[in-house]
Protein backbone atom coordinates (compact mmCIF):
# COMPACT_ATOMS: atom_id res chain seq x y z
CA MET A 1 62.15 82.78 39.37
CA ASN A 2 62.65 86.51 41.08
CA PHE A 3 66.37 86.85 41.39
CA TYR A 4 65.91 90.75 41.73
CA GLU A 5 66.10 91.08 45.26
CA PRO A 6 69.54 89.23 45.67
CA TYR A 7 71.34 91.02 43.03
CA ARG A 8 69.75 94.52 44.57
CA ARG A 9 71.40 93.62 47.67
CA VAL A 10 74.68 92.96 45.43
CA ALA A 11 74.12 96.21 43.78
CA GLU A 12 73.94 98.27 46.99
CA ALA A 13 76.80 96.68 48.64
CA LEU A 14 79.06 97.27 45.74
CA ARG A 15 77.69 100.91 45.28
CA ARG A 16 78.63 101.41 49.03
CA GLN A 17 81.99 99.99 48.39
CA VAL A 18 82.83 102.17 45.37
CA ASP A 19 81.35 105.14 47.50
CA ASP A 20 83.28 104.61 50.54
CA ASP A 21 86.37 104.04 48.77
CA LEU A 22 86.13 107.16 46.64
CA THR A 23 85.08 109.68 49.42
CA SER A 24 87.53 108.14 51.63
CA LEU A 25 90.07 109.74 49.12
CA GLY A 26 88.24 112.94 48.67
CA PHE A 27 86.84 112.44 45.23
CA LEU A 28 83.93 114.85 44.60
CA CYS A 29 81.64 112.50 43.24
CA ARG A 30 78.06 110.63 43.32
CA VAL A 31 78.04 106.95 43.03
CA PHE A 32 74.72 105.02 42.03
CA GLY A 33 73.92 101.18 41.80
CA ARG A 34 70.75 99.36 40.10
CA ALA A 35 70.05 95.74 39.52
CA LYS A 36 68.22 94.61 36.34
CA GLY A 37 64.56 93.47 37.17
CA MET A 38 62.87 90.25 35.34
CA ALA A 39 60.99 92.50 32.88
CA SER A 40 64.57 94.54 31.89
CA LEU A 41 66.00 91.03 31.70
CA ARG A 42 63.57 89.77 29.22
CA ARG A 43 63.34 92.74 27.12
CA LYS A 44 67.27 92.38 26.71
CA LEU A 45 66.64 88.95 25.56
CA GLU A 46 63.77 89.18 23.35
CA SER A 47 65.37 92.32 21.67
CA SER A 48 68.36 90.41 20.29
CA PRO A 49 67.14 86.80 19.95
CA GLY A 50 70.27 84.24 20.13
CA LYS A 51 72.69 87.03 21.09
CA TYR A 52 73.00 86.07 24.87
CA THR A 53 73.34 82.02 25.47
CA HIS A 54 75.08 79.71 28.12
CA GLY A 55 77.23 78.66 25.46
CA GLY A 56 78.19 81.97 24.00
CA ARG A 57 77.79 85.56 25.18
CA LEU A 58 76.54 86.56 28.58
CA ILE A 59 74.71 89.50 29.77
CA GLN A 60 77.37 91.29 31.92
CA ASP A 61 75.56 94.25 33.34
CA ILE A 62 72.86 92.55 35.61
CA VAL A 63 74.29 94.73 38.08
CA GLY A 64 75.48 98.29 37.23
CA ILE A 65 77.10 101.10 39.22
CA ARG A 66 77.78 104.64 37.89
CA VAL A 67 80.38 106.95 39.14
CA ILE A 68 79.44 110.51 38.30
CA LEU A 69 82.56 112.87 38.79
CA TYR A 70 82.87 116.48 38.88
CA PHE A 71 86.03 116.87 36.75
CA PRO A 72 87.19 115.06 33.29
CA GLU A 73 90.69 114.67 34.56
CA ASP A 74 89.47 112.39 37.61
CA VAL A 75 88.10 109.62 35.31
CA GLN A 76 91.51 108.13 34.78
CA ILE A 77 92.55 107.87 38.32
CA VAL A 78 89.20 106.49 39.25
CA GLU A 79 89.46 103.67 36.72
CA GLU A 80 93.03 103.04 38.19
CA LEU A 81 91.53 102.81 41.54
CA LEU A 82 88.87 100.34 40.30
CA ARG A 83 91.48 98.41 38.60
CA SER A 84 93.53 97.80 41.75
CA LYS A 85 90.50 96.69 43.78
CA TYR A 86 88.40 94.34 41.57
CA THR A 87 89.57 92.01 38.68
CA CYS A 88 88.81 93.69 35.21
CA ASP A 89 87.60 91.67 32.15
CA GLU A 90 89.48 93.81 29.64
CA GLY A 91 87.92 92.14 26.59
CA SER A 92 84.10 93.43 27.75
CA CYS A 93 85.38 96.89 28.52
CA THR A 94 83.88 100.03 26.29
CA ILE A 95 86.42 102.83 26.27
CA ASP A 96 85.78 105.39 23.44
CA ARG A 97 88.63 107.94 22.72
CA PRO A 98 87.58 111.41 21.23
CA VAL A 99 87.98 112.03 17.70
CA ALA A 100 88.64 115.65 16.87
CA THR A 101 86.37 115.61 13.59
CA VAL A 102 83.42 113.80 14.82
CA PHE A 103 80.62 114.96 17.12
CA SER A 104 79.69 111.63 19.40
CA VAL A 105 79.47 110.73 22.96
CA THR A 106 82.63 108.92 24.65
CA ARG A 107 82.07 105.80 26.61
CA HIS A 108 83.97 104.73 29.59
CA ASN A 109 82.16 101.63 30.64
CA LEU A 110 84.64 98.85 32.81
CA VAL A 111 83.36 95.33 33.31
CA PHE A 112 84.69 93.83 36.63
CA ARG A 113 84.47 90.12 37.86
CA LEU A 114 81.96 89.91 40.82
CA PRO A 115 83.84 89.34 43.92
CA ALA A 116 83.63 85.90 45.70
CA GLU A 117 81.40 87.18 48.51
CA PHE A 118 78.66 88.04 46.08
CA HIS A 119 78.68 84.48 44.19
CA ARG A 120 75.94 82.90 46.23
CA ASP A 121 73.65 85.71 45.37
CA ALA A 122 74.62 85.62 41.69
CA ALA A 123 73.71 81.97 41.76
CA SER A 124 69.93 83.17 41.77
CA ALA A 125 70.32 83.86 38.20
CA ASP A 126 71.11 80.38 37.35
CA GLY A 127 68.99 79.46 34.26
CA TYR A 128 69.67 82.53 32.54
CA PRO A 129 72.73 83.59 30.26
CA VAL A 130 74.08 85.99 33.05
CA ASP A 131 77.94 86.30 33.99
CA ARG A 132 79.17 86.86 37.37
CA THR A 133 80.23 90.46 36.49
CA PHE A 134 79.06 93.89 37.09
CA GLU A 135 79.38 97.15 35.13
CA VAL A 136 80.85 100.30 36.10
CA GLN A 137 80.14 103.50 33.98
CA ILE A 138 82.16 106.86 34.95
CA ARG A 139 80.97 109.87 33.73
CA THR A 140 81.18 113.50 34.43
CA ILE A 141 78.56 115.65 35.94
CA LEU A 142 77.63 117.25 32.76
CA SER A 143 77.66 114.42 30.64
CA GLU A 144 75.30 112.76 32.99
CA GLY A 145 72.28 114.56 31.88
CA TRP A 146 73.08 114.35 28.22
CA HIS A 147 73.31 110.44 28.59
CA GLU A 148 70.00 110.63 30.60
CA VAL A 149 68.22 112.38 27.70
CA GLU A 150 69.88 110.25 24.98
CA HIS A 151 69.22 106.93 26.66
CA ASP A 152 65.60 107.45 27.50
CA LEU A 153 64.58 109.62 23.92
CA ARG A 154 67.02 108.13 21.39
CA TYR A 155 68.56 104.63 22.73
CA LYS A 156 65.18 103.09 23.45
CA ARG A 157 63.56 104.67 20.54
CA LEU A 158 65.87 104.58 17.63
CA ASP A 159 62.86 104.04 15.24
CA HIS A 160 61.90 107.40 16.06
CA TRP A 161 65.26 108.77 14.76
CA ILE A 162 65.30 107.12 11.09
CA GLY A 163 65.75 109.49 8.42
CA HIS A 164 66.59 112.28 10.90
CA ASP A 165 70.65 111.96 10.66
CA ASP A 166 71.00 115.90 10.83
CA LEU A 167 69.33 115.95 14.19
CA SER A 168 70.80 113.16 15.56
CA ARG A 169 74.39 114.72 14.61
CA GLY A 170 73.00 117.63 16.43
CA LEU A 171 72.17 115.84 19.54
CA ASN A 172 75.75 114.72 19.41
CA GLY A 173 76.98 118.22 18.97
CA VAL A 174 75.40 118.99 22.31
CA VAL A 175 78.39 116.93 23.85
CA ALA A 176 80.97 119.21 22.15
CA THR A 177 79.11 121.91 24.19
CA LEU A 178 79.29 120.27 27.05
CA GLU A 179 83.13 119.47 26.63
CA THR A 180 83.79 123.22 26.21
CA ALA A 181 81.67 124.08 29.60
CA GLU A 182 83.89 121.57 31.30
CA TRP A 183 86.91 123.06 29.88
CA SER A 184 85.52 126.37 30.58
CA MET A 185 84.88 125.44 34.55
CA ARG A 186 88.04 124.08 35.01
CA LYS A 187 89.73 127.31 33.43
CA ILE A 188 87.82 129.52 36.06
CA PHE A 189 89.04 127.13 38.92
CA ASP A 190 92.63 127.62 37.77
CA ASP A 191 92.07 131.59 37.50
CA LEU A 192 90.42 131.74 40.93
CA ALA A 193 93.69 130.00 42.34
CA ALA A 194 95.99 132.12 40.81
CA ARG A 195 94.13 135.23 42.14
CA HIS A 196 94.29 133.62 45.64
CA LEU A 197 97.98 132.95 45.07
CA ALA A 198 98.54 136.39 44.08
CA CYS A 199 96.70 137.69 47.33
CA HIS A 200 98.52 135.05 49.52
CA GLN A 201 95.20 133.68 50.28
CA TRP A 202 96.85 130.26 50.97
CA ALA A 203 93.97 128.01 52.67
CA ALA A 204 91.65 129.11 49.58
CA MET A 205 94.46 128.64 46.81
CA LEU A 206 95.19 125.19 47.96
CA HIS A 207 91.27 124.44 48.50
CA THR A 208 90.86 125.73 44.73
CA VAL A 209 93.77 123.86 43.19
CA LEU A 210 93.22 120.54 44.99
CA ARG A 211 89.19 120.69 44.09
CA MET A 212 88.45 117.65 46.51
CA ARG A 213 86.81 117.05 49.90
CA VAL A 214 89.32 118.55 52.38
CA SER A 215 88.88 120.70 55.66
CA ALA A 216 89.22 124.17 54.06
CA SER A 217 91.42 125.61 56.83
CA LEU A 218 95.39 125.74 57.27
CA SER A 219 97.14 125.69 60.57
CA GLN A 220 98.84 128.55 61.67
CA PRO A 221 102.34 127.04 61.83
CA LEU A 222 102.02 126.09 57.78
CA ALA A 223 100.09 129.65 56.98
CA SER A 224 103.21 131.30 58.69
CA LEU A 225 105.69 129.51 56.74
CA LEU A 226 104.12 130.13 53.38
CA ASP A 227 103.72 133.74 54.56
CA SER A 228 107.69 133.81 54.79
CA ASP A 229 108.43 131.85 51.96
CA GLU A 230 106.04 132.75 48.69
CA SER A 231 108.40 130.27 46.45
CA LEU A 232 107.08 127.47 48.55
CA ALA A 233 103.46 128.74 48.15
CA SER A 234 104.24 128.69 44.36
CA GLU A 235 105.47 125.25 44.44
CA LEU A 236 102.43 124.09 46.39
CA TYR A 237 100.41 126.10 43.55
CA ARG A 238 101.26 123.42 41.12
CA ILE A 239 100.36 120.38 43.09
CA ASN A 240 99.41 117.48 40.95
CA ARG A 241 96.06 116.28 41.81
CA MET A 242 96.26 113.01 40.44
CA SER A 243 99.39 112.32 42.32
CA VAL A 244 98.10 113.17 45.34
CA PHE A 245 95.14 111.10 45.03
CA ARG A 246 97.34 107.85 43.84
CA SER A 247 99.36 108.46 47.15
CA LEU A 248 96.31 108.65 49.13
CA SER A 249 95.01 105.34 47.62
CA GLN A 250 98.13 103.82 48.94
CA LEU A 251 98.32 104.82 52.54
CA ALA A 252 97.22 102.45 55.44
CA PRO A 253 95.70 103.40 57.30
CA ARG A 254 93.74 106.39 55.60
CA ILE A 255 94.58 109.75 56.95
CA PRO A 256 91.98 112.46 57.76
CA LEU A 257 91.61 114.80 54.89
CA SER A 258 92.87 118.16 55.60
CA ILE A 259 94.79 120.67 53.85
CA ASP A 260 97.79 120.34 56.05
CA ASN A 261 97.65 116.48 55.55
CA VAL A 262 97.71 117.05 51.98
CA ILE A 263 100.75 119.39 52.10
CA HIS A 264 102.66 117.17 54.19
CA LEU A 265 101.85 114.13 51.74
CA TRP A 266 102.83 116.08 48.50
CA ASN A 267 105.79 117.21 50.41
CA PHE A 268 106.84 113.86 51.43
CA THR A 269 106.50 112.49 47.70
CA THR A 270 107.73 115.38 45.97
CA LEU A 271 108.63 118.67 47.51
CA ASP A 272 111.07 117.22 49.84
CA SER A 273 111.30 121.08 51.94
CA PRO A 274 112.92 120.77 55.06
CA ARG A 275 110.69 123.58 56.68
CA ILE A 276 107.59 121.49 55.93
CA SER A 277 109.14 118.17 57.05
CA ALA A 278 110.05 119.78 60.48
CA LEU A 279 106.30 120.41 61.08
CA ARG A 280 104.91 116.90 60.07
CA PRO A 281 103.51 115.06 62.87
CA GLN A 282 105.29 111.99 63.71
CA VAL A 283 102.05 109.85 63.23
CA LEU A 284 102.09 110.99 59.44
CA SER A 285 105.89 110.18 58.95
CA ASP A 286 105.19 106.73 60.25
CA ILE A 287 102.37 106.06 57.88
CA PHE A 288 103.98 107.65 55.07
CA SER A 289 107.16 105.66 55.28
CA ALA A 290 105.19 102.61 55.88
CA SER A 291 103.10 102.81 52.79
CA LEU A 292 104.97 104.82 50.34
CA PRO A 293 107.80 104.16 48.06
CA SER A 294 110.98 105.92 49.66
CA ARG A 295 112.77 108.70 46.79
């Protein structure tokens, strides 16, 4: 029985859903999807005879979604957003926590129940021990390359590494280098934002602080306000990205992603500056009041 095509449709539909949800909130990311073909399914079953059975453990990654994020701090908020939309199979998730004394990759793999609208396509796998679930792997853009190399050249060829534990540890050590690179990249953006603040380059400062897909321009009324009140500009410099993403995810309808709108959102939820509030369009006030908890 050829079930690849129905599952390919499921994988592509889920990929589009996840991609649309994240990009509409301004995340810098890439989203990929795939479905296991028959050959891959058979290899998995044959490599672990008896591990997957109809009466026991079922294969849960017949459909896989991979979310590649630019910044490590975005992993947590993306996980929260996915959990709010899909039903999570908690016992099947694999979330590693870094250990200070060990070089090892950290996995952030979540398993969700397939939404009901995909159950018909999922029925094409009847006869195989396949669960109605899909896996989401969340990774950072720097760690993704390492994962690809490790998966193809170590995970699939474990026998090639027997007796070479030192080299295997060395490969894991590359992860520590990548984590340092991620930290360094974040520090560079923080320093750049601080320089823009010092030079009164408000739009550049906010764009660098937010590190998200927003239009880079700032309206003249808000720019003039920040020119006249540097303490207010300093407050915006300390904007919390995760709180912004959480608030954006609660809005219905979604708002256009612009620096102006993010300032008005942050002011509504946190700053409560009367001078910024006076510049807020009424349509934003209506959406914020209807979607967000009152302070």
